[in-house]
Amino acid sequence: MAEQHQEPNYIGVLVWLAVLTLTEIAVVLMGVPQLPKVILLVGMALSKAALVALYFMHLKFEPSTLMVIVFTPLLICTFLVFMLFPDLSATPHQTTTKTEHPGAKH
């Protein structure tokens, strides 16, 4: 038989989602430097995604094995971003070839 749990406070979750959204808008409009802005926006987006998944998708009340299955792709994605980060910061290759007109004398 299914285990009963207390009904979540959906209005409270909605208020937190609205506050996080307004904070995201404020961060964008305040002129924060690029790196801190990206870190803040990604952090707030992950917080909002976690709130939606935990309360509206009822993952908070599921067994912990399901939580591991849900958050494994997030961990893999984070791992891949940090593994590929050196490639993103590499200097692009610039080819220096001479173009000659056909029939030009050497």
Protein backbone atom coordinates (compact mmCIF):
# COMPACT_ATOMS: atom_id res chain seq x y z
CA MET A 1 0.00 0.00 0.00
CA ALA A 2 1.20 3.49 -0.80
CA GLU A 3 2.67 5.49 2.04
CA GLN A 4 0.78 8.68 2.89
CA HIS A 5 2.68 11.93 3.10
CA GLN A 6 1.79 15.47 4.03
CA GLU A 7 0.61 17.61 1.13
CA PRO A 8 3.35 20.12 0.17
CA ASN A 9 2.80 23.85 0.43
CA TYR A 10 2.44 24.60 -3.29
CA ILE A 11 1.85 28.32 -2.70
CA GLY A 12 5.11 28.54 -0.72
CA VAL A 13 6.98 26.79 -3.55
CA LEU A 14 5.36 29.13 -6.07
CA VAL A 15 6.47 32.16 -4.02
CA TRP A 16 10.07 30.83 -3.91
CA LEU A 17 10.01 30.27 -7.67
CA ALA A 18 8.76 33.83 -8.21
CA VAL A 19 11.42 35.26 -5.87
CA LEU A 20 14.17 33.33 -7.67
CA THR A 21 12.86 34.53 -11.05
CA LEU A 22 12.81 38.16 -9.92
CA THR A 23 16.31 37.74 -8.50
CA GLU A 24 17.50 36.37 -11.85
CA ILE A 25 16.06 39.39 -13.64
CA ALA A 26 17.74 41.72 -11.12
CA VAL A 27 21.11 40.02 -11.60
CA VAL A 28 20.86 40.48 -15.37
CA LEU A 29 19.85 44.14 -15.11
CA MET A 30 22.37 45.11 -12.39
CA GLY A 31 25.42 44.86 -14.64
CA VAL A 32 27.20 42.15 -12.70
CA PRO A 33 30.48 40.99 -14.36
CA GLN A 34 30.10 38.05 -16.76
CA LEU A 35 31.52 35.13 -14.71
CA PRO A 36 29.68 35.88 -11.45
CA LYS A 37 26.51 36.55 -13.45
CA VAL A 38 26.70 33.15 -15.17
CA ILE A 39 27.43 31.36 -11.90
CA LEU A 40 24.52 33.08 -10.14
CA LEU A 41 22.08 32.46 -12.98
CA VAL A 42 23.01 28.78 -13.32
CA GLY A 43 22.77 28.31 -9.56
CA MET A 44 19.34 29.91 -9.40
CA ALA A 45 18.14 27.92 -12.43
CA LEU A 46 19.28 24.69 -10.76
CA SER A 47 17.50 25.73 -7.56
CA LYS A 48 14.28 26.37 -9.46
CA ALA A 49 14.59 23.06 -11.31
CA ALA A 50 15.15 21.26 -8.00
CA LEU A 51 12.06 22.90 -6.45
CA VAL A 52 9.90 21.91 -9.41
CA ALA A 53 11.24 18.35 -9.45
CA LEU A 54 10.97 17.85 -5.70
CA TYR A 55 7.51 19.28 -5.13
CA PHE A 56 5.54 19.41 -8.37
CA MET A 57 6.93 16.09 -9.67
CA HIS A 58 6.70 14.63 -6.12
CA LEU A 59 10.28 13.34 -6.16
CA LYS A 60 10.70 14.42 -2.55
CA PHE A 61 8.41 11.59 -1.52
CA GLU A 62 10.01 8.89 -3.70
CA PRO A 63 12.64 6.35 -2.63
CA SER A 64 16.24 7.54 -2.61
CA THR A 65 17.18 5.22 -5.50
CA LEU A 66 14.90 7.21 -7.80
CA MET A 67 16.60 10.42 -6.67
CA VAL A 68 19.98 8.93 -7.63
CA ILE A 69 18.61 8.05 -11.07
CA VAL A 70 17.23 11.57 -11.55
CA PHE A 71 20.36 13.46 -10.47
CA THR A 72 22.93 11.23 -12.20
CA PRO A 73 22.57 13.03 -15.58
CA LEU A 74 23.16 16.36 -13.82
CA LEU A 75 26.38 15.04 -12.29
CA ILE A 76 27.52 13.61 -15.63
CA CYS A 77 26.78 16.92 -17.38
CA THR A 78 28.73 18.85 -14.74
CA PHE A 79 31.63 16.43 -15.07
CA LEU A 80 31.67 16.82 -18.86
CA VAL A 81 31.62 20.62 -18.65
CA PHE A 82 34.68 20.63 -16.39
CA MET A 83 36.44 18.02 -18.53
CA LEU A 84 35.85 20.05 -21.69
CA PHE A 85 36.59 23.43 -20.10
CA PRO A 86 40.27 23.44 -21.19
CA ASP A 87 39.12 23.06 -24.80
CA LEU A 88 36.80 26.05 -24.43
CA SER A 89 39.56 28.30 -23.17
CA ALA A 90 42.12 27.26 -25.80
CA THR A 91 43.35 29.82 -28.32
CA PRO A 92 41.78 29.26 -31.73
CA HIS A 93 44.15 28.20 -34.48
CA GLN A 94 44.91 30.88 -37.02
CA THR A 95 46.08 29.68 -40.40
CA THR A 96 48.61 31.90 -42.11
CA THR A 97 48.69 30.90 -45.74
CA LYS A 98 49.69 33.12 -48.58
CA THR A 99 47.23 33.45 -51.40
CA GLU A 100 48.83 34.01 -54.74
CA HIS A 101 47.21 35.08 -57.93
CA PRO A 102 47.23 32.52 -60.71
CA GLY A 103 50.08 33.15 -63.11
CA ALA A 104 52.11 35.19 -60.62
CA LYS A 105 55.88 34.88 -61.01
CA HIS A 106 57.94 33.52 -58.12
